[in-house]
Amino acid sequence: MSEELDFKISSGLKDIIGKELITDDHIAIFEIVKNSYDANAKKNTITFQNITKEAMEQPRIIVSDDGDGMSKEDIAGKFLFVGYSEKKKEGGGSKDYRDKISERRRRHFAGSKGIGRFSCDRLGKKLKIYTKTEMEKEIHTLTIDWKAFEQDQEKEFETVKAVYEKIKTLDIEDYSVDNFTNGTILVVTELNSPWDRSKLLQLKRYLQRLINPTQIDPELGFEICLEAKEYEKVDEEYSKKGKPWEIINGPIENIVFEKMEMKTARVTSEISEDGKEIRTELFDKDQYIFKIKEKNTYKHLKNVKVIVFFLSTSAKKTFTSTMGLDAVNYGSVFLYKNGIRIYPYGEPNEDWLGLDKLKQQGWKRYLGTREVIGRVEVSGNQPEFVEVSSRDGGLLKNKCHEELKDFIVKKAVTPLRRYVVEGLD
């Protein structure tokens, strides 16, 4: 006689989809910022308070945005529904909702797994959420004590409770919010690791690579701001010295590619939106060298653009003077999907295109990751580009992924090499 049995979920699941899946603090904040982006926010502010040795109060991280916010129904039916992603549900089965566009702001979505909210577990032991929709007058709050999940692994996940309440007002000055008509504020306390000035500068550089401004609709906009008021006086000193890369407070900007255009050779190769044609152009600073149009033979690729710069001596100097570090420590060729970075492509020592391997083999003096920097832009509804669940695992290694790598190397890196190394013989 057969019978049906139910799965039981241990409270230990929290660690698996939280701090064990989110491999470092920078990725945790990266995931939280992506959630703000998906909530149609125009601004996301990451605030660090009481993090210096002189601080008398408990350190905390506050991430606030001016996005859609959540109702009580959203909190109960979506935020607290583990693994649930409305982005997938709205897509209707076969379509990936991360690539559908918001009707209100025409924005492509960055997340789809329904587990990014557990990034807060990586940062600290307690989380308090304040959230409000534009149509509501009151503010919803939710308090989560992550330690409660760790007390007994035999305890079932759903028996660990989060505390909800509704409030009428919020002292916005305490949370670095100018006006809280709508949006979400995450307050993380009992931090799992310290944050000093050096770590904050690392975070700033990490976030500079998060957004590709050329793929973000300027009418919609998305600004990330970093705030640590305890370091404002130090920032002022670095500002006087003309060292913007040492400044923590303020908007996160990345203009390095704009400055590189007038300093070195570059190749741009683009597969048309309909996937029929490849257009490749080569420039040396402001000098036009050539343009090629050809039929696209990559069956799985469309609406993809790659731009690769040669890191000449002049370009390296420009990079260092702009970013405050050597290009080799910044990264190489980054991958963006609808303006949001896919991690870890482009990280230092991440040779996802195999350029260093070819260079080590001495094959026609190939350009390695130390000689090139650039970005790949995948645009539109392209569910074939699937991110794996691990937040530092990149894309699913399918045919589309293999064709993308081949396209970048053959249509961008190779003509650049032929020009700067061989003189287009």
Protein backbone atom coordinates (compact mmCIF):
# COMPACT_ATOMS: atom_id res chain seq x y z
CA MET A 1 0.00 0.00 0.00
CA SER A 2 1.49 3.33 -1.09
CA GLU A 3 1.15 6.66 0.68
CA GLU A 4 2.27 10.20 0.06
CA LEU A 5 4.88 11.77 2.34
CA ASP A 6 5.71 15.43 2.79
CA PHE A 7 9.13 17.04 2.65
CA LYS A 8 10.32 18.64 5.85
CA ILE A 9 12.57 21.69 5.68
CA SER A 10 15.19 22.23 8.36
CA SER A 11 15.82 25.72 9.72
CA GLY A 12 19.38 25.11 8.50
CA LEU A 13 18.15 25.97 4.99
CA LYS A 14 18.70 29.59 5.95
CA ASP A 15 22.47 29.11 5.93
CA ILE A 16 22.45 27.23 2.63
CA ILE A 17 20.63 29.98 0.73
CA GLY A 18 22.11 32.77 2.82
CA LYS A 19 25.67 33.15 4.00
CA GLU A 20 26.87 29.88 2.42
CA LEU A 21 25.54 30.78 -1.03
CA ILE A 22 26.48 34.47 -0.83
CA THR A 23 30.23 34.04 -0.69
CA ASP A 24 31.35 37.49 0.51
CA ASP A 25 30.03 40.81 1.86
CA HIS A 26 30.43 42.65 -1.43
CA ILE A 27 28.27 40.11 -3.27
CA ALA A 28 25.67 40.39 -0.48
CA ILE A 29 25.35 44.13 -1.00
CA PHE A 30 25.41 43.58 -4.77
CA GLU A 31 22.33 41.33 -4.44
CA ILE A 32 20.51 43.84 -2.24
CA VAL A 33 21.19 46.65 -4.72
CA LYS A 34 19.83 44.46 -7.54
CA ASN A 35 16.61 44.04 -5.55
CA SER A 36 16.30 47.84 -5.39
CA TYR A 37 16.81 48.02 -9.13
CA ASP A 38 14.10 45.40 -9.68
CA ALA A 39 11.75 47.40 -7.44
CA ASN A 40 11.97 50.32 -9.91
CA ALA A 41 14.09 52.44 -7.60
CA LYS A 42 15.87 55.44 -9.08
CA LYS A 43 18.21 55.75 -6.14
CA ASN A 44 19.80 53.28 -3.75
CA THR A 45 21.79 54.49 -0.74
CA ILE A 46 24.12 52.25 1.27
CA THR A 47 24.88 53.79 4.66
CA PHE A 48 27.41 52.62 7.24
CA GLN A 49 27.03 53.95 10.79
CA ASN A 50 29.12 53.60 13.96
CA ILE A 51 31.83 51.58 12.26
CA THR A 52 34.94 53.33 13.61
CA LYS A 53 36.69 52.35 16.83
CA GLU A 54 35.57 55.63 18.41
CA ALA A 55 31.87 54.88 17.87
CA MET A 56 29.85 54.45 21.06
CA GLU A 57 26.76 52.90 19.47
CA GLN A 58 26.16 49.60 17.72
CA PRO A 59 27.43 49.49 14.12
CA ARG A 60 24.82 49.01 11.42
CA ILE A 61 24.34 48.94 7.68
CA ILE A 62 21.32 50.68 6.16
CA VAL A 63 20.28 50.12 2.56
CA SER A 64 17.44 52.36 1.42
CA ASP A 65 15.71 52.92 -1.90
CA ASP A 66 12.83 54.87 -3.44
CA GLY A 67 11.34 51.88 -5.22
CA ASP A 68 7.83 50.44 -5.23
CA GLY A 69 7.90 49.25 -1.62
CA MET A 70 5.81 46.39 -0.26
CA SER A 71 2.35 45.98 1.20
CA LYS A 72 1.60 43.56 4.03
CA GLU A 73 0.38 41.10 1.40
CA ASP A 74 3.66 41.43 -0.48
CA ILE A 75 5.64 40.75 2.68
CA ALA A 76 3.64 37.67 3.64
CA GLY A 77 3.05 36.25 0.18
CA LYS A 78 6.32 37.10 -1.55
CA PHE A 79 9.16 38.26 0.70
CA LEU A 80 8.57 35.51 3.27
CA PHE A 81 7.89 32.89 0.58
CA VAL A 82 11.31 31.22 0.28
CA GLY A 83 12.41 30.64 -3.31
CA TYR A 84 9.41 32.54 -4.68
CA SER A 85 10.14 35.02 -7.45
CA GLU A 86 7.28 37.08 -8.81
CA LYS A 87 9.50 37.84 -11.79
CA LYS A 88 9.32 34.21 -12.90
CA LYS A 89 5.64 33.83 -12.11
CA GLU A 90 4.61 36.85 -14.15
CA GLY A 91 6.59 35.55 -17.10
CA GLY A 92 4.17 32.69 -17.53
CA GLY A 93 5.97 29.37 -17.55
CA SER A 94 8.39 29.35 -20.46
CA LYS A 95 9.42 33.01 -20.30
CA ASP A 96 12.04 34.24 -17.87
CA TYR A 97 10.56 37.21 -16.02
CA ARG A 98 13.96 38.75 -15.27
CA ASP A 99 13.92 39.78 -18.94
CA LYS A 100 10.38 41.09 -19.12
CA ILE A 101 10.09 44.84 -18.89
CA SER A 102 8.32 46.75 -16.16
CA GLU A 103 5.24 48.42 -17.62
CA ARG A 104 5.69 51.37 -15.31
CA ARG A 105 9.33 52.10 -16.06
CA ARG A 106 10.28 49.79 -18.96
CA ARG A 107 13.13 48.30 -16.95
CA HIS A 108 14.64 44.86 -17.42
CA PHE A 109 14.87 42.84 -14.24
CA ALA A 110 18.13 41.69 -12.68
CA GLY A 111 17.12 38.85 -10.32
CA SER A 112 14.91 35.80 -10.56
CA LYS A 113 15.89 33.18 -7.99
CA GLY A 114 13.88 34.50 -5.05
CA ILE A 115 16.77 34.13 -2.60
CA GLY A 116 18.57 37.48 -2.88
CA ARG A 117 16.76 38.68 0.25
CA PHE A 118 18.87 36.24 2.27
CA SER A 119 21.96 38.31 1.46
CA CYS A 120 21.26 40.23 4.65
CA ASP A 121 22.10 37.09 6.62
CA ARG A 122 25.65 37.33 5.27
CA LEU A 123 26.01 40.88 6.60
CA GLY A 124 24.56 40.66 10.09
CA LYS A 125 22.58 38.64 12.61
CA LYS A 126 19.51 40.87 12.75
CA LEU A 127 17.45 42.58 10.07
CA LYS A 128 14.67 45.15 10.35
CA ILE A 129 12.74 46.18 7.26
CA TYR A 130 10.72 49.37 6.79
CA THR A 131 8.68 49.45 3.61
CA LYS A 132 5.88 51.56 2.18
CA THR A 133 3.99 51.73 -1.10
CA GLU A 134 3.00 55.06 -2.61
CA MET A 135 -0.71 54.34 -2.13
CA GLU A 136 -0.48 53.56 1.59
CA LYS A 137 -0.19 55.97 4.52
CA GLU A 138 1.31 53.60 7.07
CA ILE A 139 4.72 51.91 7.09
CA HIS A 140 5.16 48.16 7.36
CA THR A 141 7.99 46.75 9.44
CA LEU A 142 9.41 43.26 9.67
CA THR A 143 12.03 42.09 12.16
CA ILE A 144 14.10 38.95 11.54
CA ASP A 145 16.55 37.40 13.97
CA TRP A 146 18.72 35.11 11.85
CA LYS A 147 20.17 33.49 14.97
CA ALA A 148 16.78 31.92 15.68
CA PHE A 149 17.27 29.66 12.65
CA GLU A 150 20.58 28.40 14.01
CA GLN A 151 19.51 27.24 17.46
CA ASP A 152 18.18 23.83 16.45
CA GLN A 153 18.71 22.28 13.00
CA GLU A 154 15.88 19.82 13.68
CA LYS A 155 13.46 22.71 13.98
CA GLU A 156 11.37 23.17 10.85
CA PHE A 157 11.99 26.30 8.82
CA GLU A 158 8.44 27.63 8.87
CA THR A 159 8.22 27.46 12.67
CA VAL A 160 10.81 30.25 13.04
CA LYS A 161 8.81 33.46 13.05
CA ALA A 162 9.47 37.00 11.81
CA VAL A 163 7.77 39.85 13.70
CA TYR A 164 5.50 42.18 11.72
CA GLU A 165 4.00 45.48 12.80
CA LYS A 166 2.62 48.65 11.26
CA ILE A 167 3.78 52.16 12.21
CA LYS A 168 2.63 55.64 11.23
CA THR A 169 5.88 57.60 11.16
CA LEU A 170 9.58 57.05 10.74
CA ASP A 171 12.42 59.29 11.89
CA ILE A 172 13.96 59.44 8.43
CA GLU A 173 17.08 61.30 9.59
CA ASP A 174 18.16 58.17 11.44
CA TYR A 175 18.05 56.19 8.20
CA SER A 176 19.65 58.65 5.75
CA VAL A 177 16.41 59.04 3.80
CA ASP A 178 15.35 62.41 2.41
CA ASN A 179 11.69 61.52 1.97
CA PHE A 180 9.98 58.21 2.60
CA THR A 181 6.83 58.33 0.49
CA ASN A 182 7.58 54.92 -0.99
CA GLY A 183 10.41 52.42 -0.98
CA THR A 184 12.22 50.03 1.33
CA ILE A 185 14.80 50.45 4.09
CA LEU A 186 16.88 47.50 5.32
CA VAL A 187 18.64 47.92 8.66
CA VAL A 188 21.26 45.26 9.42
CA THR A 189 22.69 45.06 12.95
CA GLU A 190 25.00 42.77 14.91
CA LEU A 191 27.33 42.77 11.92
CA ASN A 192 29.20 39.56 11.15
CA SER A 193 32.42 41.32 10.13
CA PRO A 194 33.99 44.76 10.67
CA TRP A 195 33.97 47.47 8.01
CA ASP A 196 36.97 49.79 7.98
CA ARG A 197 37.96 52.46 5.45
CA SER A 198 39.90 50.01 3.31
CA LYS A 199 36.94 47.63 3.02
CA LEU A 200 34.61 50.49 2.14
CA LEU A 201 36.92 51.60 -0.68
CA GLN A 202 36.92 48.01 -1.95
CA LEU A 203 33.12 48.07 -1.88
CA LYS A 204 33.08 51.33 -3.82
CA ARG A 205 35.29 49.86 -6.54
CA TYR A 206 33.14 46.75 -6.61
CA LEU A 207 29.96 48.80 -7.05
CA GLN A 208 31.55 50.92 -9.77
CA ARG A 209 31.53 47.79 -11.91
CA LEU A 210 27.94 46.82 -11.05
CA ILE A 211 26.11 49.06 -13.52
CA ASN A 212 26.90 49.63 -17.19
CA PRO A 213 25.53 53.16 -17.77
CA THR A 214 25.35 52.72 -21.56
CA GLN A 215 22.63 50.07 -21.13
CA ILE A 216 20.54 52.01 -18.59
CA ASP A 217 17.81 54.23 -20.01
CA PRO A 218 18.84 57.77 -18.94
CA GLU A 219 15.18 58.72 -18.50
CA LEU A 220 14.77 55.98 -15.91
CA GLY A 221 18.18 56.27 -14.28
CA PHE A 222 19.62 54.34 -11.36
CA GLU A 223 21.99 55.96 -8.88
CA ILE A 224 23.94 54.17 -6.16
CA CYS A 225 25.26 56.27 -3.28
CA LEU A 226 27.70 55.24 -0.57
CA GLU A 227 27.58 57.00 2.80
CA ALA A 228 29.85 56.76 5.83
CA LYS A 229 29.73 60.13 7.59
CA GLU A 230 32.48 59.15 10.01
CA TYR A 231 34.91 59.41 7.11
CA GLU A 232 33.67 62.71 5.64
CA LYS A 233 36.59 64.76 7.02
CA VAL A 234 39.11 62.27 5.63
CA ASP A 235 37.30 62.46 2.29
CA GLU A 236 37.68 66.25 2.29
CA GLU A 237 41.44 65.92 2.66
CA TYR A 238 41.66 63.52 -0.26
CA SER A 239 39.46 65.83 -2.33
CA LYS A 240 41.91 68.69 -1.74
CA LYS A 241 44.76 66.42 -2.82
CA GLY A 242 42.95 65.58 -6.07
CA LYS A 243 42.49 61.89 -5.25
CA PRO A 244 38.80 61.14 -5.95
CA TRP A 245 39.42 57.38 -5.85
CA GLU A 246 40.16 57.68 -2.11
CA ILE A 247 36.77 59.31 -1.40
CA ILE A 248 34.09 57.06 0.09
CA ASN A 249 31.04 59.30 0.37
CA GLY A 250 28.94 60.19 -2.66
CA PRO A 251 27.46 58.73 -5.85
CA ILE A 252 29.12 55.68 -7.38
CA GLU A 253 30.41 56.58 -10.85
CA ASN A 254 32.47 54.81 -13.47
CA ILE A 255 33.77 56.97 -16.31
CA VAL A 256 36.91 55.00 -17.04
CA PHE A 257 35.70 53.66 -20.41
CA GLU A 258 34.76 57.15 -21.57
CA LYS A 259 38.28 58.42 -20.86
CA MET A 260 39.90 55.38 -22.46
CA GLU A 261 38.35 56.09 -25.86
CA MET A 262 40.71 58.97 -26.61
CA LYS A 263 43.82 57.22 -25.32
CA THR A 264 44.11 53.92 -27.16
CA ALA A 265 42.89 51.56 -29.87
CA ARG A 266 39.53 49.81 -29.48
CA VAL A 267 37.33 47.37 -31.34
CA THR A 268 33.56 47.32 -31.17
CA SER A 269 31.69 44.33 -32.54
CA GLU A 270 27.92 44.07 -32.43
CA ILE A 271 25.37 41.43 -33.41
CA SER A 272 22.16 43.10 -34.54
CA GLU A 273 18.94 42.89 -32.58
CA ASP A 274 17.42 40.51 -35.11
CA GLY A 275 20.57 38.35 -35.07
CA LYS A 276 21.21 38.62 -38.81
CA GLU A 277 24.30 40.81 -39.02
CA ILE A 278 27.64 41.47 -37.30
CA ARG A 279 29.13 44.97 -37.49
CA THR A 280 32.73 45.45 -36.39
CA GLU A 281 34.61 48.76 -36.13
CA LEU A 282 38.18 49.61 -35.17
CA PHE A 283 39.30 53.01 -33.92
CA ASP A 284 42.71 54.23 -32.79
CA LYS A 285 41.93 57.06 -30.37
CA ASP A 286 39.73 59.34 -32.53
CA GLN A 287 40.96 57.90 -35.84
CA TYR A 288 38.62 55.61 -37.77
CA ILE A 289 40.50 52.55 -39.08
CA PHE A 290 37.93 50.18 -40.60
CA LYS A 291 34.38 48.85 -40.53
CA ILE A 292 33.19 45.36 -41.52
CA LYS A 293 29.65 44.05 -42.03
CA GLU A 294 29.09 40.33 -42.28
CA LYS A 295 26.41 37.68 -41.83
CA ASN A 296 25.99 36.42 -38.28
CA THR A 297 26.88 32.73 -38.12
CA TYR A 298 26.29 32.41 -34.37
CA LYS A 299 22.87 30.73 -34.24
CA HIS A 300 22.30 31.39 -30.53
CA LEU A 301 23.41 35.03 -30.39
CA LYS A 302 21.61 38.29 -31.08
CA ASN A 303 21.52 41.79 -29.62
CA VAL A 304 25.05 41.47 -28.21
CA LYS A 305 27.77 44.12 -28.23
CA VAL A 306 31.40 43.93 -27.15
CA ILE A 307 33.93 46.74 -26.85
CA VAL A 308 37.56 45.92 -26.09
CA PHE A 309 40.36 48.44 -25.46
CA PHE A 310 44.09 47.84 -25.84
CA LEU A 311 45.91 48.77 -22.65
CA SER A 312 48.77 50.77 -24.12
CA THR A 313 51.21 52.59 -21.84
CA SER A 314 49.18 55.79 -22.25
CA ALA A 315 45.91 53.96 -21.54
CA LYS A 316 47.33 52.37 -18.40
CA LYS A 317 48.42 55.78 -17.11
CA THR A 318 44.96 57.19 -17.82
CA PHE A 319 43.34 54.29 -16.03
CA THR A 320 45.52 54.63 -12.93
CA SER A 321 45.03 58.41 -12.73
CA THR A 322 41.26 57.96 -13.02
CA MET A 323 40.69 54.93 -10.79
CA GLY A 324 43.63 55.10 -8.38
CA LEU A 325 44.78 51.54 -9.06
CA ASP A 326 46.43 49.59 -11.85
CA ALA A 327 44.16 48.12 -14.50
CA VAL A 328 45.41 44.61 -13.71
CA ASN A 329 43.91 44.94 -10.23
CA TYR A 330 40.61 46.24 -11.59
CA GLY A 331 39.72 43.50 -14.02
CA SER A 332 39.57 42.73 -17.73
CA VAL A 333 36.47 42.00 -19.86
CA PHE A 334 33.21 42.39 -17.90
CA LEU A 335 29.83 40.93 -18.83
CA TYR A 336 26.56 42.85 -18.42
CA LYS A 337 23.02 41.74 -19.08
CA ASN A 338 20.60 44.63 -19.53
CA GLY A 339 22.98 46.92 -17.69
CA ILE A 340 23.59 44.71 -14.64
CA ARG A 341 26.88 42.92 -14.19
CA ILE A 342 27.09 39.13 -14.25
CA TYR A 343 29.63 38.10 -11.63
CA PRO A 344 32.50 37.01 -11.66
CA TYR A 345 33.33 37.73 -15.34
CA GLY A 346 36.04 40.37 -15.55
CA GLU A 347 37.41 39.93 -12.04
CA PRO A 348 41.21 40.03 -11.69
CA ASN A 349 42.65 36.57 -12.44
CA GLU A 350 39.30 35.50 -13.96
CA ASP A 351 40.35 34.48 -17.48
CA TRP A 352 36.93 33.38 -18.70
CA LEU A 353 37.89 33.94 -22.36
CA GLY A 354 41.09 31.89 -22.14
CA LEU A 355 43.26 34.83 -23.27
CA ASP A 356 46.11 34.17 -20.85
CA LYS A 357 46.22 30.51 -21.81
CA LEU A 358 46.72 31.44 -25.47
CA LYS A 359 49.33 34.01 -24.53
CA GLN A 360 51.29 31.50 -22.45
CA GLN A 361 51.34 29.17 -25.43
CA GLY A 362 52.99 31.96 -27.38
CA TRP A 363 50.43 31.72 -30.17
CA LYS A 364 51.07 34.75 -32.41
CA ARG A 365 51.80 37.02 -29.45
CA TYR A 366 48.21 36.94 -28.25
CA LEU A 367 46.81 39.68 -26.00
CA GLY A 368 46.28 38.50 -22.40
CA THR A 369 44.04 39.92 -19.69
CA ARG A 370 46.78 42.40 -18.73
CA GLU A 371 46.68 43.95 -22.22
CA VAL A 372 42.92 44.40 -22.69
CA ILE A 373 39.95 45.78 -20.83
CA GLY A 374 36.36 46.01 -21.97
CA ARG A 375 32.75 45.05 -21.57
CA VAL A 376 30.19 42.77 -23.16
CA GLU A 377 26.57 43.95 -23.34
CA VAL A 378 23.74 41.44 -23.68
CA SER A 379 20.43 43.24 -24.19
CA GLY A 380 16.76 42.38 -24.41
CA ASN A 381 14.79 39.27 -23.58
CA GLN A 382 17.40 36.50 -23.73
CA PRO A 383 16.50 33.68 -21.32
CA GLU A 384 19.25 31.48 -22.80
CA PHE A 385 21.74 33.49 -20.75
CA VAL A 386 20.94 31.81 -17.44
CA GLU A 387 22.73 32.63 -14.20
CA VAL A 388 23.51 29.63 -12.01
CA SER A 389 22.27 29.68 -8.43
CA SER A 390 25.72 30.26 -6.91
CA ARG A 391 26.18 34.00 -6.77
CA ASP A 392 29.74 33.80 -8.06
CA GLY A 393 29.21 31.05 -10.62
CA GLY A 394 28.35 33.15 -13.67
CA LEU A 395 26.22 31.78 -16.48
CA LEU A 396 25.07 28.28 -17.22
CA LYS A 397 27.67 26.71 -19.52
CA ASN A 398 25.42 26.07 -22.51
CA LYS A 399 25.77 26.54 -26.27
CA CYS A 400 24.87 30.20 -25.99
CA HIS A 401 27.69 30.74 -23.48
CA GLU A 402 30.23 28.99 -25.71
CA GLU A 403 29.20 30.99 -28.78
CA LEU A 404 29.47 34.22 -26.80
CA LYS A 405 33.08 33.49 -25.83
CA ASP A 406 33.97 32.58 -29.40
CA PHE A 407 32.34 35.75 -30.73
CA ILE A 408 34.26 37.99 -28.29
CA VAL A 409 37.63 36.42 -29.06
CA LYS A 410 37.27 36.15 -32.84
CA LYS A 411 35.37 39.35 -33.61
CA ALA A 412 36.87 41.76 -31.06
CA VAL A 413 40.09 40.55 -29.43
CA THR A 414 41.60 39.03 -32.58
CA PRO A 415 41.22 42.12 -34.85
CA LEU A 416 42.52 44.28 -32.00
CA ARG A 417 45.57 42.01 -31.69
CA ARG A 418 46.15 42.08 -35.44
CA TYR A 419 46.16 45.87 -35.36
CA VAL A 420 48.28 46.58 -32.28
CA VAL A 421 50.67 43.60 -32.54
CA GLU A 422 50.84 42.76 -36.24
CA GLY A 423 49.78 46.02 -37.88
CA LEU A 424 46.85 44.40 -39.73
CA ASP A 425 49.18 42.61 -42.14
